[in-house]
Amino acid sequence: MKPLLLTTALLLALPAVGTAVAATRITVALPADIRSTNPGVNRDDNTDGVIANVVEGLVGYGEGGDVKPLLARSVTVSPDGLSYTFKLRTDVRFHNGEKLTSADALWSWQRYMDPKTEWRCLAEFDGRNDLKVTSAEAPDAQTFVLRINRRSALLLDTLARTDCGMTAILHKASVKPDGSWDRPIGTGPYQLTDWKRGRGVTLTRFEGYTSPEGTKADGYVGLKTPSVDQVEFQVIPDAATVKLAVAARSIDIAQLLSSDVAETRGNPLLVTMPEPDSSKHVLLFQTRDPLMSDPKFRRAVAAALDYKQLVDVASDGLSKPNNSAVFERSVYMDAVQRKGFKTDLALAKALLKESSYKGQTIKLVANKRAPMPSFQVALVTQAMLQAVGIKVEIEVLEWATQLDRYNAGNYQMMSFSYSGRLDPALSYEQFVGDKARQPRKVWDNPEALAMIEGAKVVSDPAERRKIFDRLHELSLVDVPLITLYNGLTVWVRAKRVSGFSPWEGKPRLWTARVGT
């Protein structure tokens, strides 16, 4: 297949002699090539990070994980909760210059709902997961309406998810006459002008872009002011090579391992940025295991851990403990969510004596997949549990094998990481569920299951906060798992690039500037 080359690359051409201004350009390292240019289809997290600069949806995430209008200027929910009316902005154009209308929203929605598109999030809206969009309508040029079969507190959140491609509104010229995918003609601050498979991706600033409302960057909404003319993503899989390229100033922006921070912070030409996200690093208990089913044993483990020391070691001193499933910057983070497990060795030993533990060796499953801290967490946990008399053997597996064991529920304890979920209901749902139906689920307390179902329906923020606070307090008693801390992505940028502000592990290129 030939590389994707669009005529918009001509935007980089210099003006006539006498008024020439050099085009600005930055280079960004990609740890792997993107999987496709099709939003929400054949994607991974790496792909989502590139495409989020090219396309936009009706709504998007704000910094606190709350959902806000993006291509919509307003969203109105009917009193019965079954109808969502999106009033579109009137200042939006596609990369080909065409104005955005509700016809584009309707065309995009119908394409996503066609099984032939293979949209990742189809099951979230076609009834397989209970929620079904019963109709999509465009009653006038600036109005788009979705009707659903039951109340849902998560409809907008799902529309905003980056793994769903932000349910991007695309121009119909994004597909070929036969309906097959061609290229993304979106509304984002950058447009894709070149993709050389295995080598890299080039994005060009969209001259016709108009920012949504806002005075500053706010998640994927807020103020967007793209100023760099061209961004070149270069595929560099090897972390050591990335570090050398950054030091040599051939790469302007890159992700690094946390272990590289001390070195890059000593370079006066670089700025190192450890950015927290909503992913979770955890210790799992298989509560159907004869020993792990004993809550006193699980509480003994929780009391035996020095969380600050464990997190310092696992994150190279860049993170801090968070025993909640709610991420630190969430609008739902409050004093209740900040309650955590207390390190108390005397209590740990007392609980251990009262428990069913009889000196047997516990197997703790981990992997050595970089940059995940699974093995480091396991090592520190082993030492801390042995200090109170619990014998622990670490079983190191390849990541694929560990994932299979996790999905089958085949372990006693496991050092594991969950990908980011911004809405707390989705974060809890990663580990709350019926083990009989889904063996990978960790916590099947009936009260917790009922509260999760309630959080999927209740939209009022104050009522949802009560649910999440009660869930957290209950988890500290049941201890079905121990959430240790939220993940982070270490970014480094050349000093000539200012303003760059990544979010949730993804590069927001509209925040980058190039100095003189």
Protein backbone atom coordinates (compact mmCIF):
# COMPACT_ATOMS: atom_id res chain seq x y z
CA MET A 1 0.00 0.00 0.00
CA LYS A 2 1.27 3.44 -0.90
CA PRO A 3 1.91 5.95 1.89
CA LEU A 4 -1.00 8.28 2.65
CA LEU A 5 -0.17 11.63 1.05
CA LEU A 6 -2.71 14.45 1.07
CA THR A 7 -2.63 17.73 -0.78
CA THR A 8 -2.88 19.53 2.57
CA ALA A 9 0.84 18.93 2.90
CA LEU A 10 1.14 21.95 0.63
CA LEU A 11 0.23 24.05 3.67
CA LEU A 12 3.85 23.66 4.71
CA ALA A 13 5.11 25.39 1.59
CA LEU A 14 6.92 28.67 2.27
CA PRO A 15 5.30 31.97 1.23
CA ALA A 16 6.68 33.99 -1.65
CA VAL A 17 10.22 35.34 -1.46
CA GLY A 18 10.37 38.48 0.62
CA THR A 19 7.67 37.32 3.07
CA ALA A 20 9.09 33.87 3.84
CA VAL A 21 8.57 32.58 7.35
CA ALA A 22 10.10 29.24 8.29
CA ALA A 23 7.55 26.55 9.12
CA THR A 24 7.81 25.27 12.70
CA ARG A 25 8.31 21.56 13.20
CA ILE A 26 8.72 19.16 16.11
CA THR A 27 9.50 15.45 16.28
CA VAL A 28 7.82 13.03 18.68
CA ALA A 29 8.99 9.47 19.41
CA LEU A 30 6.40 6.69 19.07
CA PRO A 31 7.17 3.43 20.94
CA ALA A 32 5.35 1.51 18.19
CA ASP A 33 3.65 2.25 14.90
CA ILE A 34 -0.04 3.11 14.94
CA ARG A 35 -2.35 0.25 13.99
CA SER A 36 -4.59 2.27 11.68
CA THR A 37 -5.95 5.77 11.07
CA ASN A 38 -9.55 4.65 11.60
CA PRO A 39 -10.85 6.07 14.94
CA GLY A 40 -11.98 3.36 17.34
CA VAL A 41 -11.23 0.60 14.81
CA ASN A 42 -8.10 -1.58 14.82
CA ARG A 43 -6.54 0.57 17.52
CA ASP A 44 -4.43 0.52 20.64
CA ASP A 45 -3.54 3.16 23.22
CA ASN A 46 -0.59 4.33 21.15
CA THR A 47 -2.84 4.80 18.10
CA ASP A 48 -5.47 6.62 20.16
CA GLY A 49 -2.87 9.16 21.29
CA VAL A 50 -2.05 10.17 17.73
CA ILE A 51 -5.62 10.15 16.43
CA ALA A 52 -6.90 12.27 19.37
CA ASN A 53 -5.12 15.22 17.74
CA VAL A 54 -6.90 14.66 14.43
CA VAL A 55 -10.55 13.96 15.28
CA GLU A 56 -13.15 15.14 17.77
CA GLY A 57 -16.53 13.91 18.99
CA LEU A 58 -19.71 15.52 20.23
CA VAL A 59 -18.34 15.40 23.78
CA GLY A 60 -14.97 14.91 25.41
CA TYR A 61 -13.31 14.41 28.76
CA GLY A 62 -12.41 17.31 31.00
CA GLU A 63 -9.36 17.23 33.25
CA GLY A 64 -11.27 15.72 36.16
CA GLY A 65 -12.72 12.87 34.11
CA ASP A 66 -16.07 14.62 33.70
CA VAL A 67 -17.64 14.81 30.24
CA LYS A 68 -18.18 18.17 28.55
CA PRO A 69 -19.40 19.41 25.15
CA LEU A 70 -16.83 19.45 22.34
CA LEU A 71 -18.35 19.58 18.85
CA ALA A 72 -21.68 20.04 20.60
CA ARG A 73 -22.24 23.44 22.18
CA SER A 74 -24.80 21.93 24.54
CA VAL A 75 -26.25 18.56 25.56
CA THR A 76 -29.79 18.28 26.92
CA VAL A 77 -31.19 15.11 28.52
CA SER A 78 -34.96 14.58 28.58
CA PRO A 79 -36.70 14.22 31.98
CA ASP A 80 -37.11 10.47 31.49
CA GLY A 81 -33.39 10.13 30.66
CA LEU A 82 -34.11 8.42 27.34
CA SER A 83 -33.36 11.21 24.88
CA TYR A 84 -30.10 13.16 24.38
CA THR A 85 -30.21 16.29 22.25
CA PHE A 86 -26.90 17.68 20.99
CA LYS A 87 -26.88 21.25 19.65
CA LEU A 88 -23.87 21.54 17.36
CA ARG A 89 -21.42 24.41 17.23
CA THR A 90 -21.73 26.59 14.14
CA ASP A 91 -18.02 27.45 13.81
CA VAL A 92 -16.63 23.99 13.03
CA ARG A 93 -15.15 22.91 9.70
CA PHE A 94 -13.68 19.64 8.53
CA HIS A 95 -10.13 19.40 7.25
CA ASN A 96 -11.47 19.59 3.68
CA GLY A 97 -13.14 22.93 4.44
CA GLU A 98 -16.72 21.65 4.63
CA LYS A 99 -18.93 22.91 7.49
CA LEU A 100 -20.01 20.49 10.20
CA THR A 101 -23.76 19.73 10.27
CA SER A 102 -25.98 17.18 11.94
CA ALA A 103 -25.99 15.19 8.69
CA ASP A 104 -22.30 14.44 9.35
CA ALA A 105 -23.09 13.34 12.90
CA LEU A 106 -25.85 11.07 11.61
CA TRP A 107 -23.68 9.60 8.85
CA SER A 108 -20.84 8.96 11.31
CA TRP A 109 -23.19 7.30 13.82
CA GLN A 110 -24.75 5.03 11.21
CA ARG A 111 -21.29 4.01 10.05
CA TYR A 112 -20.20 3.15 13.60
CA MET A 113 -23.33 1.10 14.16
CA ASP A 114 -22.74 -0.93 11.00
CA PRO A 115 -21.07 -4.19 12.12
CA LYS A 116 -18.93 -4.09 8.97
CA THR A 117 -17.09 -1.06 10.42
CA GLU A 118 -15.88 -3.24 13.32
CA TRP A 119 -16.08 -0.34 15.76
CA ARG A 120 -14.64 -1.34 19.12
CA CYS A 121 -17.57 0.14 21.04
CA LEU A 122 -20.49 -1.22 19.03
CA ALA A 123 -21.49 -3.59 21.86
CA GLU A 124 -21.84 -0.62 24.21
CA PHE A 125 -24.75 0.75 22.14
CA ASP A 126 -26.43 -2.13 20.28
CA GLY A 127 -28.04 -3.82 23.29
CA ARG A 128 -25.49 -6.56 23.93
CA ASN A 129 -24.42 -4.79 27.15
CA ASP A 130 -28.03 -3.82 28.02
CA LEU A 131 -27.86 -0.24 26.71
CA LYS A 132 -29.29 0.22 23.22
CA VAL A 133 -29.55 3.33 21.07
CA THR A 134 -33.01 2.89 19.57
CA SER A 135 -32.78 5.79 17.10
CA ALA A 136 -30.50 8.55 15.83
CA GLU A 137 -32.04 11.64 14.23
CA ALA A 138 -30.99 14.92 12.65
CA PRO A 139 -34.16 17.08 12.82
CA ASP A 140 -32.32 20.19 11.62
CA ALA A 141 -28.84 21.18 10.50
CA GLN A 142 -27.56 21.93 14.01
CA THR A 143 -29.41 19.30 16.06
CA PHE A 144 -28.56 15.64 16.59
CA VAL A 145 -30.66 13.36 18.81
CA LEU A 146 -29.93 9.93 20.29
CA ARG A 147 -32.71 7.93 21.93
CA ILE A 148 -31.94 4.99 24.24
CA ASN A 149 -33.87 2.10 25.79
CA ARG A 150 -33.10 2.83 29.45
CA ARG A 151 -31.54 5.44 31.68
CA SER A 152 -27.74 5.51 31.61
CA ALA A 153 -25.21 7.57 33.52
CA LEU A 154 -22.49 6.33 31.18
CA LEU A 155 -23.75 7.13 27.68
CA LEU A 156 -21.78 10.37 27.38
CA ASP A 157 -18.73 8.85 29.05
CA THR A 158 -18.68 6.04 26.51
CA LEU A 159 -19.06 8.48 23.62
CA ALA A 160 -16.01 10.36 24.96
CA ARG A 161 -13.74 7.34 25.45
CA THR A 162 -10.53 7.46 23.41
CA ASP A 163 -10.65 3.71 22.81
CA CYS A 164 -13.97 4.44 21.05
CA GLY A 165 -12.13 6.99 18.91
CA MET A 166 -14.06 9.66 20.86
CA THR A 167 -16.96 8.57 18.60
CA ALA A 168 -15.42 11.06 16.20
CA ILE A 169 -17.59 12.95 13.75
CA LEU A 170 -16.03 12.39 10.34
CA HIS A 171 -16.72 13.74 6.88
CA LYS A 172 -18.14 11.09 4.56
CA ALA A 173 -15.13 11.59 2.25
CA SER A 174 -13.15 9.65 4.89
CA VAL A 175 -14.28 6.49 3.13
CA LYS A 176 -13.82 5.41 -0.48
CA PRO A 177 -16.76 5.09 -2.92
CA ASP A 178 -17.04 1.38 -2.04
CA GLY A 179 -17.37 2.24 1.66
CA SER A 180 -13.91 1.04 2.67
CA TRP A 181 -11.74 3.21 4.90
CA ASP A 182 -9.49 5.82 3.28
CA ARG A 183 -8.25 8.49 5.69
CA PRO A 184 -9.62 10.55 8.61
CA ILE A 185 -11.14 13.85 7.51
CA GLY A 186 -11.97 15.15 10.93
CA THR A 187 -12.30 18.45 12.77
CA GLY A 188 -9.27 18.28 15.08
CA PRO A 189 -6.47 20.84 15.45
CA TYR A 190 -4.16 18.69 13.30
CA GLN A 191 -4.73 16.73 10.11
CA LEU A 192 -2.99 13.57 9.04
CA THR A 193 -0.88 14.20 5.94
CA ASP A 194 1.43 11.19 5.78
CA TRP A 195 1.71 7.70 7.23
CA LYS A 196 4.71 5.61 6.29
CA ARG A 197 3.97 2.24 7.86
CA GLY A 198 6.61 1.12 10.28
CA ARG A 199 8.40 4.46 10.10
CA GLY A 200 6.13 7.24 11.29
CA VAL A 201 3.22 9.62 10.95
CA THR A 202 3.15 13.28 9.94
CA LEU A 203 0.47 15.70 11.13
CA THR A 204 -0.04 19.22 9.83
CA ARG A 205 -1.69 22.11 11.66
CA PHE A 206 -5.25 22.68 10.47
CA GLU A 207 -5.39 26.33 9.42
CA GLY A 208 -9.19 26.39 9.61
CA TYR A 209 -9.43 25.13 13.18
CA THR A 210 -11.63 26.94 15.69
CA SER A 211 -11.18 26.09 19.35
CA PRO A 212 -14.05 25.10 21.63
CA GLU A 213 -14.75 27.42 24.55
CA GLY A 214 -12.24 27.62 27.37
CA THR A 215 -9.41 29.69 28.77
CA LYS A 216 -6.95 26.80 29.13
CA ALA A 217 -6.35 23.19 28.16
CA ASP A 218 -8.92 20.94 29.83
CA GLY A 219 -8.53 17.24 29.11
CA TYR A 220 -9.60 16.81 25.49
CA VAL A 221 -11.86 19.86 25.56
CA GLY A 222 -11.12 23.48 26.57
CA LEU A 223 -8.79 25.87 24.78
CA LYS A 224 -6.98 24.36 21.78
CA THR A 225 -4.50 26.63 20.04
CA PRO A 226 -2.32 24.60 17.65
CA SER A 227 0.75 26.61 16.69
CA VAL A 228 3.33 24.08 15.45
CA ASP A 229 3.03 23.73 11.66
CA GLN A 230 4.19 20.14 11.40
CA VAL A 231 4.52 17.26 13.86
CA GLU A 232 6.49 14.20 12.83
CA PHE A 233 6.00 11.03 14.85
CA GLN A 234 8.96 8.68 14.47
CA VAL A 235 8.62 5.01 15.38
CA ILE A 236 11.44 4.10 17.82
CA PRO A 237 10.59 0.91 19.75
CA ASP A 238 13.78 0.69 21.82
CA ALA A 239 13.72 2.79 25.01
CA ALA A 240 17.51 3.16 25.11
CA THR A 241 17.51 4.49 21.55
CA VAL A 242 14.78 6.98 22.45
CA LYS A 243 16.85 8.26 25.37
CA LEU A 244 19.89 8.73 23.12
CA ALA A 245 17.81 10.52 20.47
CA VAL A 246 16.40 12.91 23.06
CA ALA A 247 19.87 13.65 24.44
CA ALA A 248 21.14 14.24 20.89
CA ARG A 249 18.21 16.63 20.28
CA SER A 250 16.99 14.72 17.23
CA ILE A 251 13.72 14.05 19.07
CA ASP A 252 11.80 16.90 20.73
CA ILE A 253 9.18 14.97 22.74
CA ALA A 254 9.24 11.39 23.99
CA GLN A 255 8.09 8.99 26.69
CA LEU A 256 10.81 7.55 28.90
CA LEU A 257 11.11 4.89 31.57
CA SER A 258 10.79 6.19 35.13
CA SER A 259 14.29 4.88 35.80
CA ASP A 260 15.64 7.42 33.27
CA VAL A 261 14.31 10.47 35.11
CA ALA A 262 17.39 11.09 37.27
CA GLU A 263 19.55 11.20 34.13
CA THR A 264 17.31 13.46 32.04
CA ARG A 265 16.75 15.87 34.93
CA GLY A 266 20.48 16.52 34.89
CA ASN A 267 20.38 17.73 31.28
CA PRO A 268 19.86 21.53 31.13
CA LEU A 269 18.44 21.29 27.58
CA LEU A 270 15.61 18.97 28.59
CA VAL A 271 12.46 19.26 30.71
CA THR A 272 11.23 16.06 32.39
CA MET A 273 7.50 15.72 33.11
CA PRO A 274 6.15 12.78 35.15
CA GLU A 275 2.41 12.89 34.41
CA PRO A 276 -0.03 10.84 36.54
CA ASP A 277 -2.97 9.11 34.89
CA SER A 278 -6.01 7.04 35.86
CA SER A 279 -4.46 3.59 35.46
CA LYS A 280 -4.12 1.50 38.64
CA HIS A 281 -1.35 -0.76 39.95
CA VAL A 282 -2.82 -3.32 42.32
CA LEU A 283 -2.42 -6.53 44.28
CA LEU A 284 -5.23 -8.98 43.57
CA PHE A 285 -6.56 -11.72 45.87
CA GLN A 286 -8.35 -14.76 44.48
CA THR A 287 -11.10 -14.82 47.10
CA ARG A 288 -12.23 -18.30 46.02
CA ASP A 289 -8.88 -19.70 47.11
CA PRO A 290 -9.30 -21.42 50.52
CA LEU A 291 -6.81 -19.13 52.25
CA MET A 292 -7.51 -15.92 50.31
CA SER A 293 -11.22 -16.26 51.11
CA ASP A 294 -10.37 -15.46 54.74
CA PRO A 295 -10.88 -11.67 55.19
CA LYS A 296 -8.62 -11.65 58.26
CA PHE A 297 -5.72 -12.90 56.15
CA ARG A 298 -6.37 -10.25 53.48
CA ARG A 299 -6.53 -7.54 56.16
CA ALA A 300 -3.26 -8.85 57.62
CA VAL A 301 -1.61 -8.42 54.22
CA ALA A 302 -3.01 -4.90 53.91
CA ALA A 303 -1.69 -3.94 57.36
CA ALA A 304 1.77 -5.40 56.64
CA LEU A 305 2.54 -3.14 53.68
CA ASP A 306 4.40 0.16 53.96
CA TYR A 307 2.67 1.90 51.08
CA LYS A 308 4.93 4.90 50.73
CA GLN A 309 8.05 2.76 50.64
CA LEU A 310 6.49 0.27 48.23
CA VAL A 311 5.30 3.00 45.83
CA ASP A 312 8.61 4.87 46.06
CA VAL A 313 10.50 1.77 44.98
CA ALA A 314 8.06 0.73 42.26
CA SER A 315 7.76 4.22 40.73
CA ASP A 316 11.33 5.47 41.28
CA GLY A 317 9.95 7.99 43.77
CA LEU A 318 7.63 9.63 41.21
CA SER A 319 4.21 8.52 42.49
CA LYS A 320 2.33 8.50 45.77
CA PRO A 321 -0.03 5.91 47.28
CA ASN A 322 -3.72 5.91 46.39
CA ASN A 323 -5.80 3.04 47.79
CA SER A 324 -8.90 4.23 45.94
CA ALA A 325 -10.27 3.14 42.56
CA VAL A 326 -10.95 6.85 41.94
CA PHE A 327 -7.94 8.53 40.33
CA GLU A 328 -6.27 11.43 42.07
CA ARG A 329 -7.44 14.24 39.76
CA SER A 330 -11.03 13.00 39.49
CA VAL A 331 -13.91 15.30 40.33
CA TYR A 332 -14.99 12.46 42.67
CA MET A 333 -11.78 12.42 44.69
CA ASP A 334 -12.65 13.61 48.20
CA ALA A 335 -11.75 13.07 51.87
CA VAL A 336 -13.48 9.67 51.93
CA GLN A 337 -11.60 8.46 48.86
CA ARG A 338 -8.31 9.56 50.44
CA LYS A 339 -8.83 7.17 53.35
CA GLY A 340 -6.47 4.26 52.94
CA PHE A 341 -4.98 1.20 54.53
CA LYS A 342 -2.78 1.85 57.58
CA THR A 343 0.60 0.20 58.01
CA ASP A 344 0.43 -1.59 61.37
CA LEU A 345 2.79 -4.55 61.80
CA ALA A 346 1.45 -5.44 65.22
CA LEU A 347 -2.10 -5.56 63.85
CA ALA A 348 -0.88 -7.60 60.85
CA LYS A 349 0.68 -10.22 63.12
CA ALA A 350 -2.40 -10.34 65.36
CA LEU A 351 -4.75 -10.79 62.38
CA LEU A 352 -2.44 -13.46 60.99
CA LYS A 353 -2.72 -15.48 64.19
CA GLU A 354 -6.50 -15.23 64.08
CA SER A 355 -6.63 -16.18 60.40
CA SER A 356 -6.51 -19.56 58.69
CA TYR A 357 -2.87 -19.06 57.67
CA LYS A 358 -0.71 -22.00 58.87
CA GLY A 359 2.67 -21.16 57.44
CA GLN A 360 2.05 -22.31 53.88
CA THR A 361 3.85 -20.58 50.97
CA ILE A 362 1.78 -18.06 49.02
CA LYS A 363 2.34 -17.78 45.27
CA LEU A 364 2.40 -14.19 43.99
CA VAL A 365 2.15 -13.97 40.19
CA ALA A 366 4.01 -11.16 38.39
CA ASN A 367 5.58 -10.28 35.04
CA LYS A 368 8.64 -8.31 33.91
CA ARG A 369 6.94 -6.36 31.10
CA ALA A 370 8.43 -2.86 30.90
CA PRO A 371 7.43 -0.25 31.87
CA MET A 372 4.82 -1.91 34.11
CA PRO A 373 5.94 -2.22 37.78
CA SER A 374 4.51 -5.71 38.31
CA PHE A 375 7.78 -7.39 39.30
CA GLN A 376 9.06 -4.49 41.39
CA VAL A 377 5.78 -4.42 43.33
CA ALA A 378 5.99 -8.17 43.85
CA LEU A 379 9.56 -8.01 45.18
CA VAL A 380 8.77 -5.33 47.76
CA THR A 381 5.53 -7.05 48.74
CA GLN A 382 7.37 -10.34 49.25
CA ALA A 383 9.89 -8.71 51.60
CA MET A 384 7.23 -6.88 53.61
CA LEU A 385 5.02 -9.95 54.02
CA GLN A 386 7.95 -12.13 55.02
CA ALA A 387 8.72 -9.57 57.75
CA VAL A 388 5.42 -10.45 59.46
CA GLY A 389 5.77 -14.20 58.93
CA ILE A 390 4.04 -14.81 55.59
CA LYS A 391 5.99 -17.00 53.19
CA VAL A 392 5.79 -15.71 49.61
CA GLU A 393 7.11 -17.18 46.37
CA ILE A 394 7.07 -14.98 43.26
CA GLU A 395 5.95 -16.76 40.10
CA VAL A 396 7.19 -14.77 37.08
CA LEU A 397 5.18 -15.29 33.89
CA GLU A 398 5.22 -13.87 30.38
CA TRP A 399 2.59 -11.14 30.11
CA ALA A 400 0.34 -13.13 27.77
CA THR A 401 0.40 -16.11 30.14
CA GLN A 402 -0.30 -13.92 33.14
CA LEU A 403 -3.23 -12.33 31.33
CA ASP A 404 -4.65 -15.77 30.58
CA ARG A 405 -4.31 -16.72 34.24
CA TYR A 406 -5.98 -13.46 35.28
CA ASN A 407 -8.91 -13.98 32.91
CA ALA A 408 -9.37 -17.52 34.22
CA GLY A 409 -9.05 -16.44 37.87
CA ASN A 410 -6.19 -18.93 38.21
CA TYR A 411 -3.95 -17.46 40.93
CA GLN A 412 -3.70 -16.85 44.68
CA MET A 413 -2.22 -13.35 44.58
CA MET A 414 -1.24 -11.29 41.58
CA SER A 415 0.66 -8.05 40.94
CA PHE A 416 -1.43 -6.51 38.19
CA SER A 417 -2.20 -3.23 36.42
CA TYR A 418 -5.55 -1.95 35.16
CA SER A 419 -5.73 0.50 32.27
CA GLY A 420 -7.22 3.91 32.95
CA ARG A 421 -10.94 4.47 33.46
CA LEU A 422 -12.01 8.02 34.16
CA ASP A 423 -15.55 7.44 35.41
CA PRO A 424 -15.46 5.70 38.82
CA ALA A 425 -18.30 3.34 37.86
CA LEU A 426 -16.17 1.99 35.02
CA SER A 427 -13.08 1.91 37.24
CA TYR A 428 -14.87 -0.19 39.86
CA GLU A 429 -16.46 -2.36 37.19
CA GLN A 430 -12.99 -3.49 36.09
CA PHE A 431 -12.82 -5.67 39.21
CA VAL A 432 -16.40 -5.84 40.56
CA GLY A 433 -18.60 -8.56 39.09
CA ASP A 434 -20.05 -12.05 39.27
CA LYS A 435 -17.15 -14.53 39.38
CA ALA A 436 -19.38 -17.34 38.17
CA ARG A 437 -20.03 -15.49 34.90
CA GLN A 438 -16.68 -13.67 34.62
CA PRO A 439 -13.82 -15.45 36.42
CA ARG A 440 -11.54 -12.43 35.98
CA LYS A 441 -13.66 -10.38 38.38
CA VAL A 442 -12.17 -9.90 41.84
CA TRP A 443 -14.95 -8.60 44.07
CA ASP A 444 -18.42 -10.16 44.07
CA ASN A 445 -19.86 -8.66 47.26
CA PRO A 446 -23.64 -8.36 46.59
CA GLU A 447 -23.78 -4.84 48.04
CA ALA A 448 -20.91 -3.72 45.81
CA LEU A 449 -22.58 -5.28 42.76
CA ALA A 450 -25.82 -3.44 43.50
CA MET A 451 -24.05 -0.12 43.99
CA ILE A 452 -22.20 -0.44 40.68
CA GLU A 453 -25.50 -1.06 38.89
CA GLY A 454 -26.91 2.03 40.62
CA ALA A 455 -23.95 4.17 39.57
CA LYS A 456 -24.59 3.21 35.94
CA VAL A 457 -28.08 4.70 36.13
CA VAL A 458 -27.88 7.60 38.59
CA SER A 459 -26.69 10.78 36.87
CA ASP A 460 -26.80 13.25 39.76
CA PRO A 461 -23.16 13.94 40.77
CA ALA A 462 -23.96 14.25 44.49
CA GLU A 463 -25.78 10.89 44.53
CA ARG A 464 -23.02 9.24 42.53
CA ARG A 465 -20.44 10.58 45.00
CA LYS A 466 -22.32 8.90 47.86
CA ILE A 467 -22.25 5.59 45.97
CA PHE A 468 -18.52 5.80 45.22
CA ASP A 469 -17.66 6.82 48.78
CA ARG A 470 -19.63 3.86 50.18
CA LEU A 471 -17.92 1.52 47.71
CA HIS A 472 -14.51 2.72 48.83
CA GLU A 473 -15.29 2.32 52.53
CA LEU A 474 -16.62 -1.18 51.89
CA SER A 475 -13.52 -2.14 49.88
CA LEU A 476 -11.27 -1.14 52.80
CA VAL A 477 -13.15 -3.65 54.96
CA ASP A 478 -13.51 -6.48 52.45
CA VAL A 479 -10.02 -6.06 50.91
CA PRO A 480 -10.75 -7.98 47.68
CA LEU A 481 -7.70 -6.25 46.24
CA ILE A 482 -5.24 -3.58 47.30
CA THR A 483 -5.05 -0.60 44.99
CA LEU A 484 -1.54 0.78 45.47
CA TYR A 485 -1.18 3.83 43.27
CA ASN A 486 -2.12 5.38 39.96
CA GLY A 487 0.18 4.98 37.02
CA LEU A 488 2.14 7.71 35.35
CA THR A 489 3.82 8.42 32.05
CA VAL A 490 7.21 10.08 32.06
CA TRP A 491 7.53 12.59 29.25
CA VAL A 492 10.59 14.60 28.31
CA ARG A 493 10.69 17.60 25.99
CA ALA A 494 13.41 19.75 24.54
CA LYS A 495 13.55 23.21 26.10
CA ARG A 496 12.91 24.75 22.69
CA VAL A 497 9.40 23.26 22.95
CA SER A 498 7.28 25.08 25.50
CA GLY A 499 3.76 24.63 26.81
CA PHE A 500 3.51 20.95 25.91
CA SER A 501 1.03 19.33 28.29
CA PRO A 502 0.27 15.60 27.86
CA TRP A 503 -2.79 14.11 29.53
CA GLU A 504 -3.77 10.53 30.39
CA GLY A 505 -0.59 9.27 28.76
CA LYS A 506 -1.33 10.91 25.42
CA PRO A 507 0.31 13.88 23.63
CA ARG A 508 -1.90 16.95 23.33
CA LEU A 509 -0.06 18.59 20.46
CA TRP A 510 -2.29 21.67 20.51
CA THR A 511 -0.51 22.75 23.71
CA ALA A 512 3.01 22.72 22.19
CA ARG A 513 4.91 25.82 21.11
CA VAL A 514 8.31 26.23 19.50
CA GLY A 515 10.61 28.93 20.89
CA THR A 516 13.35 30.80 19.11
